[in-house]
Each structure stands twice: as C-alpha cells, then as structure tokens.
C-alpha atoms as a PDB file:
ATOM      1  CA  MET A   1      11.592   5.072  -1.930  1.00  0.00           C
ATOM      2  CA  GLU A   2      12.617   4.622   1.678  1.00  0.00           C
ATOM      3  CA  ARG A   3      16.387   5.243   2.264  1.00  0.00           C
ATOM      4  CA  GLY A   4      18.355   3.507   4.803  1.00  0.00           C
ATOM      5  CA  GLY A   5      20.922   4.660   7.033  1.00  0.00           C
ATOM      6  CA  THR A   6      21.220   5.901  10.626  1.00  0.00           C
ATOM      7  CA  TRP A   7      22.044   9.374  12.207  1.00  0.00           C
ATOM      8  CA  SER A   8      22.781  10.452  15.735  1.00  0.00           C
ATOM      9  CA  PRO A   9      21.651  14.131  16.683  1.00  0.00           C
ATOM     10  CA  ARG A  10      24.285  16.312  18.208  1.00  0.00           C
ATOM     11  CA  GLY A  11      23.791  17.849  21.479  1.00  0.00           C
ATOM     12  CA  ARG A  12      22.222  21.269  21.297  1.00  0.00           C
ATOM     13  CA  GLU A  13      23.942  22.580  24.495  1.00  0.00           C
ATOM     14  CA  SER A  14      26.247  25.474  23.537  1.00  0.00           C
ATOM     15  CA  HIS A  15      29.851  25.882  25.160  1.00  0.00           C
ATOM     16  CA  ARG A  16      28.722  29.041  26.905  1.00  0.00           C
ATOM     17  CA  ASP A  17      25.936  27.042  28.612  1.00  0.00           C
ATOM     18  CA  ARG A  18      28.332  24.453  29.677  1.00  0.00           C
ATOM     19  CA  SER A  19      30.898  26.905  31.035  1.00  0.00           C
ATOM     20  CA  SER A  20      28.148  28.708  32.994  1.00  0.00           C
ATOM     21  CA  ASN A  21      26.777  25.626  34.552  1.00  0.00           C
ATOM     22  CA  SER A  22      30.219  24.614  35.649  1.00  0.00           C
ATOM     23  CA  ASN A  23      30.627  27.756  37.510  1.00  0.00           C
ATOM     24  CA  GLU A  24      27.524  27.974  39.419  1.00  0.00           C
ATOM     25  CA  LYS A  25      28.160  28.414  43.215  1.00  0.00           C
ATOM     26  CA  THR A  26      24.807  26.569  44.227  1.00  0.00           C
ATOM     27  CA  SER A  27      23.615  23.176  43.197  1.00  0.00           C
ATOM     28  CA  THR A  28      20.129  21.874  43.173  1.00  0.00           C
ATOM     29  CA  ARG A  29      21.232  18.281  43.314  1.00  0.00           C
ATOM     30  CA  PRO A  30      20.675  16.821  46.723  1.00  0.00           C
ATOM     31  CA  PRO A  31      23.787  15.666  48.558  1.00  0.00           C
ATOM     32  CA  ILE A  32      24.608  11.980  48.692  1.00  0.00           C
ATOM     33  CA  GLY A  33      22.917  10.410  51.625  1.00  0.00           C
ATOM     34  CA  LEU A  34      19.741  12.425  51.642  1.00  0.00           C
ATOM     35  CA  PHE A  35      17.761   9.651  50.056  1.00  0.00           C
ATOM     36  CA  THR A  36      15.958   7.658  52.808  1.00  0.00           C
ATOM     37  CA  GLU A  37      14.811   4.750  50.495  1.00  0.00           C
ATOM     38  CA  ASN A  38      16.766   1.548  50.571  1.00  0.00           C
ATOM     39  CA  SER A  39      19.310   1.341  47.528  1.00  0.00           C
ATOM     40  CA  ASP A  40      18.253  -2.358  46.977  1.00  0.00           C
ATOM     41  CA  GLU A  41      14.647  -1.249  46.383  1.00  0.00           C
ATOM     42  CA  LEU A  42      15.762   1.593  44.101  1.00  0.00           C
ATOM     43  CA  SER A  43      17.793  -1.004  42.056  1.00  0.00           C
ATOM     44  CA  GLU A  44      14.853  -3.325  41.945  1.00  0.00           C
ATOM     45  CA  LYS A  45      12.510  -0.589  40.756  1.00  0.00           C
ATOM     46  CA  ARG A  46      14.982   0.550  38.198  1.00  0.00           C
ATOM     47  CA  ARG A  47      15.362  -3.075  36.759  1.00  0.00           C
ATOM     48  CA  ALA A  48      11.669  -3.601  36.664  1.00  0.00           C
ATOM     49  CA  ARG A  49      11.336  -0.152  34.710  1.00  0.00           C
ATOM     50  CA  PHE A  50      13.857  -1.011  32.177  1.00  0.00           C
ATOM     51  CA  SER A  51      12.474  -4.534  31.849  1.00  0.00           C
ATOM     52  CA  ASN A  52       9.181  -3.162  30.952  1.00  0.00           C
ATOM     53  CA  MET A  53      10.719  -0.720  28.394  1.00  0.00           C
ATOM     54  CA  GLU A  54      12.464  -3.694  26.705  1.00  0.00           C
ATOM     55  CA  GLY A  55       9.392  -5.828  26.674  1.00  0.00           C
ATOM     56  CA  ASN A  56       7.434  -2.997  24.882  1.00  0.00           C
ATOM     57  CA  ARG A  57      10.175  -2.577  22.375  1.00  0.00           C
ATOM     58  CA  SER A  58      10.429  -6.249  21.651  1.00  0.00           C
ATOM     59  CA  ASN A  59       7.572  -6.366  19.014  1.00  0.00           C
ATOM     60  CA  THR A  60       7.918  -2.666  17.953  1.00  0.00           C
ATOM     61  CA  TYR A  61      10.470  -1.133  15.704  1.00  0.00           C
ATOM     62  CA  GLY A  62      11.305   2.458  14.338  1.00  0.00           C
ATOM     63  CA  TYR A  63      12.123   3.699  10.876  1.00  0.00           C
ATOM     64  CA  VAL A  64      15.763   3.195   9.862  1.00  0.00           C
ATOM     65  CA  SER A  65      15.527   6.362   7.705  1.00  0.00           C
ATOM     66  CA  ARG A  66      14.733   8.439  10.583  1.00  0.00           C
ATOM     67  CA  GLY A  67      17.541   7.118  12.721  1.00  0.00           C
ATOM     68  CA  GLU A  68      14.933   5.460  15.230  1.00  0.00           C
ATOM     69  CA  ASP A  69      16.084   1.928  15.141  1.00  0.00           C
ATOM     70  CA  SER A  70      18.715  -0.333  13.555  1.00  0.00           C
ATOM     71  CA  ARG A  71      17.791  -3.693  15.219  1.00  0.00           C
ATOM     72  CA  LEU A  72      16.037  -4.959  11.876  1.00  0.00           C
ATOM     73  CA  GLN A  73      19.216  -4.211   9.932  1.00  0.00           C
ATOM     74  CA  LYS A  74      21.345  -6.169  12.246  1.00  0.00           C
ATOM     75  CA  SER A  75      19.309  -9.436  12.811  1.00  0.00           C
ATOM     76  CA  ALA A  76      18.100 -11.764  10.263  1.00  0.00           C
ATOM     77  CA  LYS A  77      15.965 -13.448  12.852  1.00  0.00           C
ATOM     78  CA  GLU A  78      14.408 -10.463  13.947  1.00  0.00           C
ATOM     79  CA  ARG A  79      13.490  -9.588  10.427  1.00  0.00           C
ATOM     80  CA  GLU A  80      11.810 -13.056   9.907  1.00  0.00           C
ATOM     81  CA  ASP A  81      10.083 -12.804  13.122  1.00  0.00           C
ATOM     82  CA  PHE A  82       8.681  -9.312  12.333  1.00  0.00           C
ATOM     83  CA  PHE A  83       7.654 -10.297   8.857  1.00  0.00           C
ATOM     84  CA  ASN A  84       5.636 -13.338  10.649  1.00  0.00           C
ATOM     85  CA  GLN A  85       4.073 -10.878  12.980  1.00  0.00           C
ATOM     86  CA  ILE A  86       2.891  -8.738   9.897  1.00  0.00           C
ATOM     87  CA  LEU A  87       1.524 -11.770   8.234  1.00  0.00           C
ATOM     88  CA  GLN A  88      -0.404 -12.586  11.380  1.00  0.00           C
ATOM     89  CA  GLN A  89      -1.660  -9.122  11.498  1.00  0.00           C
ATOM     90  CA  PHE A  90      -2.740  -9.316   7.885  1.00  0.00           C
ATOM     91  CA  ILE A  91      -4.733 -12.542   8.302  1.00  0.00           C
ATOM     92  CA  LYS A  92      -6.400 -11.153  11.253  1.00  0.00           C
ATOM     93  CA  TYR A  93      -7.342  -8.043   9.297  1.00  0.00           C
ATOM     94  CA  CYS A  94      -8.615 -10.064   6.466  1.00  0.00           C
ATOM     95  CA  ASP A  95     -10.699 -12.075   8.817  1.00  0.00           C
ATOM     96  CA  SER A  96     -12.280  -9.024  10.485  1.00  0.00           C
ATOM     97  CA  THR A  97     -12.698  -6.593   7.274  1.00  0.00           C
ATOM     98  CA  SER A  98     -15.629  -6.041   5.169  1.00  0.00           C
ATOM     99  CA  VAL A  99     -13.609  -5.591   2.123  1.00  0.00           C
ATOM    100  CA  SER A 100     -14.267  -8.928   0.411  1.00  0.00           C
ATOM    101  CA  SER A 101     -11.612  -8.619  -2.261  1.00  0.00           C
ATOM    102  CA  LEU A 102      -8.698  -8.873   0.433  1.00  0.00           C
ATOM    103  CA  ALA A 103     -10.255 -11.909   2.112  1.00  0.00           C
ATOM    104  CA  LEU A 104     -10.670 -13.604  -1.358  1.00  0.00           C
ATOM    105  CA  SER A 105      -7.073 -12.677  -2.163  1.00  0.00           C
ATOM    106  CA  LEU A 106      -5.600 -14.148   0.895  1.00  0.00           C
ATOM    107  CA  PRO A 107      -4.575 -17.476  -0.540  1.00  0.00           C
ATOM    108  CA  MET A 108      -2.547 -15.628  -3.153  1.00  0.00           C
ATOM    109  CA  LEU A 109      -0.842 -13.537  -0.765  1.00  0.00           C
ATOM    110  CA  VAL A 110      -0.264 -16.020   1.938  1.00  0.00           C
ATOM    111  CA  LYS A 111       0.007 -19.831   1.486  1.00  0.00           C
ATOM    112  CA  ASP A 112      -2.503 -22.070   3.297  1.00  0.00           C
ATOM    113  CA  THR A 113       0.163 -23.781   5.338  1.00  0.00           C
ATOM    114  CA  ASP A 114       1.505 -20.411   6.486  1.00  0.00           C
ATOM    115  CA  VAL A 115      -1.969 -19.394   7.277  1.00  0.00           C
ATOM    116  CA  GLN A 116      -2.433 -22.423   9.545  1.00  0.00           C
ATOM    117  CA  GLU A 117       0.984 -22.220  11.143  1.00  0.00           C
ATOM    118  CA  LEU A 118       0.649 -18.385  11.766  1.00  0.00           C
ATOM    119  CA  SER A 119      -2.693 -18.740  13.145  1.00  0.00           C
ATOM    120  CA  SER A 120      -1.927 -21.533  15.515  1.00  0.00           C
ATOM    121  CA  ASN A 121       1.331 -20.049  16.592  1.00  0.00           C
ATOM    122  CA  GLY A 122       0.318 -16.396  16.536  1.00  0.00           C
ATOM    123  CA  ASP A 123       0.440 -14.165  19.640  1.00  0.00           C
ATOM    124  CA  SER A 124      -1.047 -10.935  18.027  1.00  0.00           C
ATOM    125  CA  GLY A 125      -4.534 -11.332  19.533  1.00  0.00           C
ATOM    126  CA  LYS A 126      -3.951  -8.155  21.591  1.00  0.00           C
ATOM    127  CA  GLU A 127      -2.921  -5.847  18.744  1.00  0.00           C
ATOM    128  CA  THR A 128      -5.226  -4.032  16.712  1.00  0.00           C
ATOM    129  CA  ALA A 129      -5.072  -4.982  12.928  1.00  0.00           C
ATOM    130  CA  ASP A 130      -5.611  -2.357  10.440  1.00  0.00           C
ATOM    131  CA  VAL A 131      -4.222  -1.964   6.988  1.00  0.00           C
ATOM    132  CA  ASP A 132      -2.235   1.384   7.784  1.00  0.00           C
ATOM    133  CA  SER A 133      -0.502  -0.223  10.638  1.00  0.00           C
ATOM    134  CA  ILE A 134       0.295  -3.192   8.279  1.00  0.00           C
ATOM    135  CA  LEU A 135       1.645  -1.016   5.559  1.00  0.00           C
ATOM    136  CA  ARG A 136       3.664   1.031   8.204  1.00  0.00           C
ATOM    137  CA  SER A 137       5.358  -2.139   9.437  1.00  0.00           C
ATOM    138  CA  LEU A 138       6.183  -3.386   5.811  1.00  0.00           C
ATOM    139  CA  ARG A 139       7.866   0.102   5.317  1.00  0.00           C
ATOM    140  CA  LYS A 140      10.025  -0.337   8.455  1.00  0.00           C
ATOM    141  CA  LEU A 141      10.932  -3.949   7.192  1.00  0.00           C
ATOM    142  CA  ARG A 142      11.799  -2.872   3.654  1.00  0.00           C
ATOM    143  CA  GLU A 143      13.688   0.067   4.993  1.00  0.00           C
ATOM    144  CA  ALA A 144      15.900  -2.371   6.856  1.00  0.00           C
ATOM    145  CA  LEU A 145      16.542  -4.509   3.714  1.00  0.00           C
ATOM    146  CA  LEU A 146      17.306  -1.665   1.535  1.00  0.00           C
ATOM    147  CA  HIS A 147      20.912  -1.625   1.846  1.00  0.00           C
ATOM    148  CA  LEU A 148      21.397  -5.415   2.674  1.00  0.00           C
ATOM    149  CA  PRO A 149      22.399  -7.949  -0.051  1.00  0.00           C
ATOM    150  CA  ALA A 150      19.018  -8.850  -1.769  1.00  0.00           C
ATOM    151  CA  ASN A 151      17.933 -12.583  -1.496  1.00  0.00           C
ATOM    152  CA  ALA A 152      14.681 -14.558  -1.484  1.00  0.00           C
ATOM    153  CA  PHE A 153      13.382 -13.146   1.851  1.00  0.00           C
ATOM    154  CA  THR A 154      13.798  -9.522   0.266  1.00  0.00           C
ATOM    155  CA  LYS A 155      11.700 -10.651  -2.925  1.00  0.00           C
ATOM    156  CA  LYS A 156       9.185 -12.099  -0.531  1.00  0.00           C
ATOM    157  CA  VAL A 157       8.857  -8.996   1.563  1.00  0.00           C
ATOM    158  CA  TYR A 158       8.709  -6.595  -1.368  1.00  0.00           C
ATOM    159  CA  LEU A 159       6.315  -8.723  -3.508  1.00  0.00           C
ATOM    160  CA  PHE A 160       3.762  -9.132  -0.323  1.00  0.00           C
ATOM    161  CA  SER A 161       4.115  -5.297   0.090  1.00  0.00           C
ATOM    162  CA  ILE A 162       3.224  -4.768  -3.645  1.00  0.00           C
ATOM    163  CA  ARG A 163       0.350  -7.150  -3.572  1.00  0.00           C
ATOM    164  CA  VAL A 164      -1.254  -5.652  -0.360  1.00  0.00           C
ATOM    165  CA  SER A 165      -0.776  -2.121  -1.279  1.00  0.00           C
ATOM    166  CA  THR A 166      -2.095  -2.244  -4.653  1.00  0.00           C
ATOM    167  CA  MET A 167      -5.287  -3.786  -3.478  1.00  0.00           C
ATOM    168  CA  VAL A 168      -5.812  -0.749  -1.493  1.00  0.00           C
ATOM    169  CA  GLY A 169      -4.441   1.878  -3.813  1.00  0.00           C
ATOM    170  CA  HIS A 170      -1.504   2.901  -1.735  1.00  0.00           C
ATOM    171  CA  TYR A 171       0.955   3.901  -4.331  1.00  0.00           C
ATOM    172  CA  HIS A 172       3.459   5.389  -1.991  1.00  0.00           C
ATOM    173  CA  THR A 173       4.184   1.659  -1.108  1.00  0.00           C
ATOM    174  CA  TYR A 174       3.707  -0.137  -4.285  1.00  0.00           C
ATOM    175  CA  LEU A 175       5.571   2.209  -6.750  1.00  0.00           C
ATOM    176  CA  PRO A 176       8.830   2.415  -5.019  1.00  0.00           C
ATOM    177  CA  SER A 177       8.643  -1.410  -4.285  1.00  0.00           C
ATOM    178  CA  ILE A 178       8.085  -2.319  -7.940  1.00  0.00           C
ATOM    179  CA  MET A 179      10.848  -0.028  -9.064  1.00  0.00           C
ATOM    180  CA  PHE A 180      13.245  -1.596  -6.528  1.00  0.00           C
ATOM    181  CA  LEU A 181      12.419  -5.141  -7.528  1.00  0.00           C
ATOM    182  CA  LEU A 182      12.571  -4.501 -11.235  1.00  0.00           C
ATOM    183  CA  ASP A 183      16.299  -3.472 -10.890  1.00  0.00           C
ATOM    184  CA  LEU A 184      17.088  -6.814  -9.270  1.00  0.00           C
ATOM    185  CA  GLU A 185      17.601 -10.107 -10.986  1.00  0.00           C
ATOM    186  CA  LEU A 186      15.524 -12.171  -8.447  1.00  0.00           C
ATOM    187  CA  LEU A 187      12.284 -12.344 -10.236  1.00  0.00           C
ATOM    188  CA  ASP A 188      11.013 -15.250 -12.415  1.00  0.00           C
ATOM    189  CA  ARG A 189       9.120 -14.433 -15.583  1.00  0.00           C
ATOM    190  CA  ASP A 190       5.691 -14.648 -13.959  1.00  0.00           C
ATOM    191  CA  GLU A 191       6.588 -12.203 -11.240  1.00  0.00           C
ATOM    192  CA  ILE A 192       8.143  -9.812 -13.795  1.00  0.00           C
ATOM    193  CA  ILE A 193       4.678  -9.781 -15.821  1.00  0.00           C
ATOM    194  CA  GLU A 194       2.894  -9.256 -12.575  1.00  0.00           C
ATOM    195  CA  ILE A 195       4.539  -6.169 -11.373  1.00  0.00           C
ATOM    196  CA  SER A 196       5.394  -4.654 -14.570  1.00  0.00           C
ATOM    197  CA  THR A 197       1.685  -4.801 -15.568  1.00  0.00           C
ATOM    198  CA  LEU A 198       0.835  -2.993 -12.308  1.00  0.00           C
ATOM    199  CA  LEU A 199       3.389  -0.328 -13.080  1.00  0.00           C
ATOM    200  CA  ILE A 200       1.991   0.111 -16.670  1.00  0.00           C
ATOM    201  CA  ILE A 201      -1.542   0.516 -15.585  1.00  0.00           C
ATOM    202  CA  HIS A 202      -0.481   2.953 -12.826  1.00  0.00           C
ATOM    203  CA  LEU A 203       1.484   5.185 -15.271  1.00  0.00           C
ATOM    204  CA  SER A 204      -1.421   5.214 -17.768  1.00  0.00           C
ATOM    205  CA  HIS A 205      -4.439   5.525 -15.495  1.00  0.00           C
ATOM    206  CA  PHE A 206      -3.081   7.464 -12.657  1.00  0.00           C
ATOM    207  CA  ASN A 207      -0.350   9.617 -14.180  1.00  0.00           C
ATOM    208  CA  ASN A 208      -1.770   9.751 -17.889  1.00  0.00           C
ATOM    209  CA  ASP A 209       1.938   9.142 -18.745  1.00  0.00           C
ATOM    210  CA  ASN A 210       1.073   6.882 -21.830  1.00  0.00           C
ATOM    211  CA  THR A 211       4.678   7.301 -23.257  1.00  0.00           C
ATOM    212  CA  ASN A 212       6.305   5.602 -20.299  1.00  0.00           C
ATOM    213  CA  ALA A 213       3.614   3.184 -19.936  1.00  0.00           C
ATOM    214  CA  LEU A 214       4.327   2.052 -23.502  1.00  0.00           C
ATOM    215  CA  ALA A 215       8.083   2.177 -22.910  1.00  0.00           C
ATOM    216  CA  TYR A 216       7.693  -0.275 -20.099  1.00  0.00           C
ATOM    217  CA  TYR A 217       5.305  -2.489 -22.062  1.00  0.00           C
ATOM    218  CA  PHE A 218       7.975  -2.987 -24.546  1.00  0.00           C
ATOM    219  CA  LYS A 219      10.541  -3.403 -22.167  1.00  0.00           C
ATOM    220  CA  TYR A 220       8.868  -6.256 -20.167  1.00  0.00           C
ATOM    221  CA  THR A 221       6.285  -7.398 -22.786  1.00  0.00           C
ATOM    222  CA  PRO A 222       3.703  -8.573 -20.102  1.00  0.00           C
ATOM    223  CA  GLY A 223       1.246  -9.874 -22.806  1.00  0.00           C
ATOM    224  CA  VAL A 224      -1.018  -8.743 -25.584  1.00  0.00           C
ATOM    225  CA  GLU A 225      -3.979  -8.232 -23.404  1.00  0.00           C
ATOM    226  CA  VAL A 226      -2.285  -5.422 -21.623  1.00  0.00           C
ATOM    227  CA  LEU A 227      -1.294  -3.894 -24.805  1.00  0.00           C
ATOM    228  CA  LEU A 228      -4.858  -3.948 -26.137  1.00  0.00           C
ATOM    229  CA  MET A 229      -6.166  -2.520 -22.831  1.00  0.00           C
ATOM    230  CA  LEU A 230      -3.565   0.175 -22.954  1.00  0.00           C
ATOM    231  CA  LYS A 231      -4.454   1.010 -26.617  1.00  0.00           C
ATOM    232  CA  CYS A 232      -8.164   1.447 -25.565  1.00  0.00           C
ATOM    233  CA  TRP A 233      -7.035   3.734 -22.854  1.00  0.00           C
ATOM    234  CA  ILE A 234      -4.895   5.872 -24.965  1.00  0.00           C
ATOM    235  CA  HIS A 235      -7.632   6.270 -27.692  1.00  0.00           C
ATOM    236  CA  LYS A 236     -10.373   6.566 -25.189  1.00  0.00           C
ATOM    237  CA  ASP A 237     -12.187   3.538 -26.576  1.00  0.00           C
ATOM    238  CA  TYR A 238     -14.556   3.557 -23.803  1.00  0.00           C
ATOM    239  CA  TYR A 239     -16.516   0.494 -25.031  1.00  0.00           C
ATOM    240  CA  ASN A 240     -13.770  -1.970 -25.216  1.00  0.00           C
ATOM    241  CA  TRP A 241     -11.950  -0.478 -22.186  1.00  0.00           C
ATOM    242  CA  ILE A 242     -15.159  -1.111 -20.091  1.00  0.00           C
ATOM    243  CA  ARG A 243     -15.165  -4.628 -21.274  1.00  0.00           C
ATOM    244  CA  PHE A 244     -11.667  -5.135 -20.249  1.00  0.00           C
ATOM    245  CA  TYR A 245     -12.521  -3.468 -16.953  1.00  0.00           C
ATOM    246  CA  ASN A 246     -15.624  -5.785 -16.225  1.00  0.00           C
ATOM    247  CA  LYS A 247     -13.874  -8.958 -17.062  1.00  0.00           C
ATOM    248  CA  GLU A 248     -10.771  -8.185 -14.999  1.00  0.00           C
ATOM    249  CA  SER A 249     -10.302 -10.983 -12.308  1.00  0.00           C
ATOM    250  CA  ASP A 250      -7.053  -9.920 -10.842  1.00  0.00           C
ATOM    251  CA  THR A 251      -7.891  -7.711  -7.826  1.00  0.00           C
ATOM    252  CA  SER A 252      -4.747  -5.516  -7.851  1.00  0.00           C
ATOM    253  CA  ARG A 253      -5.112  -4.729 -11.581  1.00  0.00           C
ATOM    254  CA  PHE A 254      -8.809  -4.039 -11.240  1.00  0.00           C
ATOM    255  CA  ARG A 255      -7.990  -1.537  -8.340  1.00  0.00           C
ATOM    256  CA  LEU A 256      -5.490   0.265 -10.385  1.00  0.00           C
ATOM    257  CA  MET A 257      -7.889   0.453 -13.359  1.00  0.00           C
ATOM    258  CA  GLN A 258     -10.268   2.291 -11.093  1.00  0.00           C
ATOM    259  CA  TYR A 259      -8.011   5.288 -11.324  1.00  0.00           C
ATOM    260  CA  GLY A 260      -9.239   5.757 -14.899  1.00  0.00           C
ATOM    261  CA  LEU A 261     -12.841   4.899 -14.291  1.00  0.00           C
ATOM    262  CA  SER A 262     -14.378   8.347 -14.003  1.00  0.00           C
ATOM    263  CA  GLU A 263     -12.454   9.504 -17.125  1.00  0.00           C
ATOM    264  CA  MET A 264     -13.833   6.784 -19.263  1.00  0.00           C
ATOM    265  CA  VAL A 265     -17.312   6.999 -18.051  1.00  0.00           C
ATOM    266  CA  ARG A 266     -17.274  10.865 -18.625  1.00  0.00           C
ATOM    267  CA  THR A 267     -15.765  10.066 -22.337  1.00  0.00           C
ATOM    268  CA  MET A 268     -18.856   7.665 -22.672  1.00  0.00           C
ATOM    269  CA  ILE A 269     -21.505  10.262 -21.636  1.00  0.00           C
ATOM    270  CA  GLN A 270     -19.935  12.962 -23.891  1.00  0.00           C
ATOM    271  CA  ARG A 271     -19.868  10.600 -26.934  1.00  0.00           C
ATOM    272  CA  ILE A 272     -23.149   9.083 -26.430  1.00  0.00           C
ATOM    273  CA  GLY A 273     -24.629  12.525 -25.829  1.00  0.00           C
ATOM    274  CA  SER A 274     -23.331  13.944 -28.984  1.00  0.00           C
ATOM    275  CA  SER A 275     -24.182  11.011 -31.339  1.00  0.00           C
ATOM    276  CA  PHE A 276     -27.739   9.890 -30.125  1.00  0.00           C
ATOM    277  CA  TYR A 277     -30.962  11.297 -29.521  1.00  0.00           C
ATOM    278  CA  ASN A 278     -32.381   8.300 -27.705  1.00  0.00           C
ATOM    279  CA  TYR A 279     -30.777   5.229 -26.240  1.00  0.00           C
ATOM    280  CA  ASP A 280     -32.376   1.912 -24.899  1.00  0.00           C
ATOM    281  CA  LEU A 281     -32.188   1.688 -21.149  1.00  0.00           C
ATOM    282  CA  GLN A 282     -31.173  -1.923 -21.200  1.00  0.00           C
ATOM    283  CA  ASP A 283     -28.359  -1.514 -23.802  1.00  0.00           C
ATOM    284  CA  LEU A 284     -27.034   1.474 -21.741  1.00  0.00           C
ATOM    285  CA  GLU A 285     -26.878  -0.377 -18.426  1.00  0.00           C
ATOM    286  CA  ALA A 286     -25.153  -3.335 -20.262  1.00  0.00           C
ATOM    287  CA  SER A 287     -22.489  -1.221 -21.429  1.00  0.00           C
ATOM    288  CA  LEU A 288     -21.837   0.420 -18.076  1.00  0.00           C
ATOM    289  CA  PRO A 289     -18.926  -0.644 -15.989  1.00  0.00           C
ATOM    290  CA  ASN A 290     -19.461  -3.088 -13.047  1.00  0.00           C
ATOM    291  CA  GLY A 291     -21.080  -1.289 -10.000  1.00  0.00           C
ATOM    292  CA  LEU A 292     -22.758   1.373 -12.019  1.00  0.00           C
ATOM    293  CA  ASP A 293     -26.294   1.381 -13.191  1.00  0.00           C
ATOM    294  CA  TRP A 294     -28.776   4.192 -14.556  1.00  0.00           C
ATOM    295  CA  GLN A 295     -29.635   5.771 -11.209  1.00  0.00           C
ATOM    296  CA  SER A 296     -25.939   5.822  -9.996  1.00  0.00           C
ATOM    297  CA  LEU A 297     -24.938   7.301 -13.271  1.00  0.00           C
ATOM    298  CA  VAL A 298     -27.246  10.287 -12.986  1.00  0.00           C
ATOM    299  CA  ARG A 299     -26.473  10.812  -9.399  1.00  0.00           C
ATOM    300  CA  GLU A 300     -22.706  10.279  -9.607  1.00  0.00           C
ATOM    301  CA  TYR A 301     -21.956  12.086 -13.069  1.00  0.00           C
ATOM    302  CA  ASP A 302     -24.710  14.651 -12.990  1.00  0.00           C
ATOM    303  CA  VAL A 303     -26.362  13.326 -16.095  1.00  0.00           C
ATOM    304  CA  LYS A 304     -29.153  15.462 -17.535  1.00  0.00           C
ATOM    305  CA  TRP A 305     -30.823  12.769 -19.765  1.00  0.00           C
ATOM    306  CA  LYS A 306     -34.511  11.803 -19.263  1.00  0.00           C
ATOM    307  CA  HIS A 307     -35.719   8.420 -18.404  1.00  0.00           C
ATOM    308  CA  GLU A 308     -39.081   7.501 -20.185  1.00  0.00           C
ATOM    309  CA  ALA A 309     -40.003   3.836 -19.705  1.00  0.00           C
ATOM    310  CA  THR A 310     -37.404   1.736 -21.314  1.00  0.00           C
ATOM    311  CA  ASN A 311     -35.962   4.589 -23.179  1.00  0.00           C
ATOM    312  CA  ILE A 312     -33.411   7.271 -22.325  1.00  0.00           C
ATOM    313  CA  VAL A 313     -34.111  10.653 -24.025  1.00  0.00           C
ATOM    314  CA  ILE A 314     -30.648  12.119 -24.752  1.00  0.00           C
ATOM    315  CA  ARG A 315     -31.702  15.252 -26.246  1.00  0.00           C
ATOM    316  CA  GLU A 316     -34.853  16.505 -28.000  1.00  0.00           C
ATOM    317  CA  ARG A 317     -35.172  16.685 -31.734  1.00  0.00           C
ATOM    318  CA  ARG A 318     -35.671  20.084 -33.316  1.00  0.00           C
ATOM    319  CA  ARG A 319     -39.361  20.473 -34.529  1.00  0.00           C
END
C-alpha cells in the first residue's frame, strides 16, 4: 500500500567545501555590468520559461510517497479535476483498445452521463491513453487521499482503482486498495460483497492461501456461490470448477480465476490420464474451459494423447 508523507533532501555540500569556497581568491562569476543584453528582455524570457514550466506541471503530478508533489493533498478541486482527467483517459483507452472486456465493462465503471459529459468537455486528446499510465495516475491520487479523512470521493477513487486493476490483473493496485476500503465504514453491502469476493479469489487462486480465503469468506459472507467455487478449488474438483469458470460473467472475477486455470487443467489431464483408456473427443472439448479446445490443449499443456477420428486414445491397453 502506498504511504503518504513528504520529505525534503538535505544538501550534500560539506562544511569543508563551504569553507574552501568562501576563501577562494578568484571567482568565475562575471562582474555586474558584463551582460550586454537588456534586463527587460532577460526578465521577459525568465517569465516565459517559468510560465511554460507551470503549464507543463498543471496536468501532471508526482508521487506523495517520494516527496515529489503535495498539490493533490492540499486541494480538493485539483483532486476532482485530476480524477476527471483519469476518467477521460480511461474512456479514450476503452475506445481504442482491442481488449473487449474493458470496453464492455465501461458502463459499470463510468456512468453513461459521466461518459457524455467527460467526452464533450475533455481536453485529453493530445495525451496518449494506456492502462499503465492510468494506473500510475490512480496511484498518485490514492497516495494523496491516504492520510486525509475518508469520504465518498475516497470510496469512488478506490473502487474505480480496484475495478480497473482487477480487469488487467494488476494486484499491486487492487490488493492494497481492497484492504484499505475494507477497513473503512463507507461501503454498502453490495460493495463489500464485490471486493471481498475478489480478495477471496486472489488469496486462493494466486497465493494458494486457502485458510485465509476461507477466513475472509466467513467474515464477509459474500454468497453461497463463492463458497461452492472455493470448495471446488480446495478439493481440486476440476469438473465443477471449470463449470463455475465458464459461466462467470463478471470480468474481474473471471480475470482472477484465470490465476488458477493452468493448475485446474493440469489436474484434469492427470486424473483423466489415470482413469481412462479412451475418451470421446466431443465430451472432452465440452468439459474444457472456455478458450481451450483439443488442439490448444495438446499445444499448451504438452498432452501426449492420440487423436483418432472422434476418439482420444489416452493410453494403450496391455495385450
């Protein structure tokens, strides 16, 4: 989780260096009056230079945790404006990306009225939209909010961070964000169910930490379907787990279940291989997870079974 706070580096010049510099007999600094350029022109150039610097900084922020920038901590308006800028970038990214799940999930992440308003008022056309820059911007905003009193805006930013990052599997974002929100009393029941389910799936399928996954389930009780899926995972019931996987309509849950996909497919291969001599090709493909067929199963999991017409020869019978 990101930490807030600011720091200021100390100068590295030693006392000895300062003393020696003060005793130098000659100076490389030109004497006053050596400049021939008009002082008004110099002032104008200086103002223009600093004006450009301020313009470049207006829409970019640093990390609070690195002591780079504290503007977002100090200004609620800048936080709101920056979040709207992030939403504009996300809408632009969804419009341009080939990842259909993000585009289809846009209505859940951003309200239709917000999409219309941000699209008409947005000025982010010159900026490149990509998911990494969006996640970095969200981190900067969360760091600014971390040590401020939590409110509805805090919840909105953190929920949006969770929903976007789970869709792309960026656990460095969604894990600390989930833990932060679960410690607050700002969430309604549906929101608690939503993010606690994601935490449970991550702990079990990514960390293989089934004990804590069960503990969080019984703490937040997000629904019997989650428990049944979790039991399938724990007992390596590949058949029913794949059924849960194939019918999962929530993009974030589906993405986190993918962490356990390879293990479940390998379990299926091992158990079918030790239990059958032959297997019907159509039945086998019907039991595979979405996105996997016989050809991709052989290619991706190095399966040595033989394909004969509509039959799969698992192993030869002893004569």
